[in-house]
Every structure is written in structure tokens, then in C-alpha cells.
Amino acid sequence: MIDKLRAAIAGEFELEEEKLAPEAPIKETLDLDSLSLVDLIALIEAQTGVKLKGVEVTHILTFEALYDFVYERM
């Protein structure tokens, strides 16, 4: 599931999957602003079925933390 999510994020943000290393900072890697954060949340929800709140995601700093967060809620 994590590989599928990583591939979807890479595709949506037009990045190589290698850029989404577990320790990479999400905000800087994806160049997130408030609109792209909404896109990221919608993508995660569509790919995993996990419902997220924007405030929950803003506290997640790395891809590893994001993957762990999603995995725990599945």
C-alpha cells in the first residue's frame, strides 16, 4: 500500500519516487502551499480510504511519518 501511495504522490506532484525518501521533509519536497496540501489530502484519502483532517497532516513532517500515520489508520 505504501508503494502505491508513494507512486501516486510522485505522479501527482511530478517528482521521481526517489525524492520521496522516508526522511525527506514533505513540505519542502512537494513545495506545499495551502492548495497543494488539500490536493495531497484528497490524494491520500482516494488511494487509501483513510479520512484525514488538514490539521493532522500539517503536523506530519516526513514521508516516513506520513506513511506510519496512514498505516495506523487503515
Protein backbone atom coordinates (compact mmCIF):
# COMPACT_ATOMS: atom_id res chain seq x y z
CA MET A 1 0.00 0.00 0.00
CA ILE A 2 2.81 2.41 0.84
CA ASP A 3 4.45 1.82 -2.55
CA LYS A 4 1.13 2.59 -4.26
CA LEU A 5 0.74 5.77 -2.23
CA ARG A 6 4.34 6.84 -2.92
CA ALA A 7 3.82 6.31 -6.66
CA ALA A 8 0.57 8.30 -6.59
CA ILE A 9 2.20 11.22 -4.75
CA ALA A 10 5.16 11.20 -7.14
CA GLY A 11 2.81 11.24 -10.11
CA GLU A 12 0.58 13.98 -8.73
CA PHE A 13 3.49 16.26 -7.85
CA GLU A 14 5.56 15.29 -10.92
CA LEU A 15 8.56 14.02 -8.94
CA GLU A 16 10.76 10.94 -9.10
CA GLU A 17 9.79 8.45 -6.41
CA GLU A 18 13.38 8.55 -5.09
CA LYS A 19 12.74 12.15 -3.94
CA LEU A 20 10.11 10.78 -1.53
CA ALA A 21 12.67 9.15 0.76
CA PRO A 22 11.33 8.32 4.23
CA GLU A 23 13.42 11.02 5.91
CA ALA A 24 12.63 13.72 3.32
CA PRO A 25 10.61 16.70 4.56
CA ILE A 26 7.15 16.69 2.98
CA LYS A 27 6.58 20.44 2.78
CA GLU A 28 9.88 21.24 1.10
CA THR A 29 9.96 18.16 -1.14
CA LEU A 30 6.48 18.76 -2.52
CA ASP A 31 6.72 22.57 -2.30
CA LEU A 32 3.39 22.55 -0.46
CA ASP A 33 1.17 25.56 -0.14
CA SER A 34 -2.37 25.50 1.24
CA LEU A 35 -3.92 24.47 -2.09
CA SER A 36 -1.43 21.69 -2.78
CA LEU A 37 -1.91 20.46 0.81
CA VAL A 38 -5.61 19.99 0.02
CA ASP A 39 -4.59 18.08 -3.12
CA LEU A 40 -2.28 15.87 -1.06
CA ILE A 41 -5.02 15.11 1.48
CA ALA A 42 -7.51 14.26 -1.30
CA LEU A 43 -4.94 12.00 -2.96
CA ILE A 44 -4.19 10.13 0.28
CA GLU A 45 -7.88 9.68 1.00
CA ALA A 46 -8.57 8.42 -2.54
CA GLN A 47 -5.64 6.00 -2.52
CA THR A 48 -6.10 4.60 0.99
CA GLY A 49 -9.67 5.27 2.10
CA VAL A 50 -8.28 6.91 5.24
CA LYS A 51 -10.05 10.19 6.08
CA LEU A 52 -7.71 12.98 7.14
CA LYS A 53 -8.07 16.42 8.62
CA GLY A 54 -5.78 19.17 7.36
CA VAL A 55 -4.58 19.95 10.85
CA GLU A 56 -3.48 16.32 11.32
CA VAL A 57 -1.38 16.42 8.18
CA THR A 58 0.28 19.75 8.96
CA HIS A 59 1.96 18.12 11.99
CA ILE A 60 3.45 15.33 9.88
CA LEU A 61 6.91 16.42 8.79
CA THR A 62 8.47 13.49 6.89
CA PHE A 63 7.23 10.89 4.43
CA GLU A 64 8.01 8.15 6.94
CA ALA A 65 5.74 9.85 9.48
CA LEU A 66 3.06 10.20 6.81
CA TYR A 67 3.24 6.54 5.83
CA ASP A 68 3.15 5.49 9.51
CA PHE A 69 0.18 7.79 10.15
CA VAL A 70 -1.78 6.35 7.22
CA TYR A 71 -0.82 2.75 8.05
CA GLU A 72 -2.02 3.14 11.67
CA ARG A 73 -5.44 4.32 10.50
CA MET A 74 -6.02 1.59 7.97
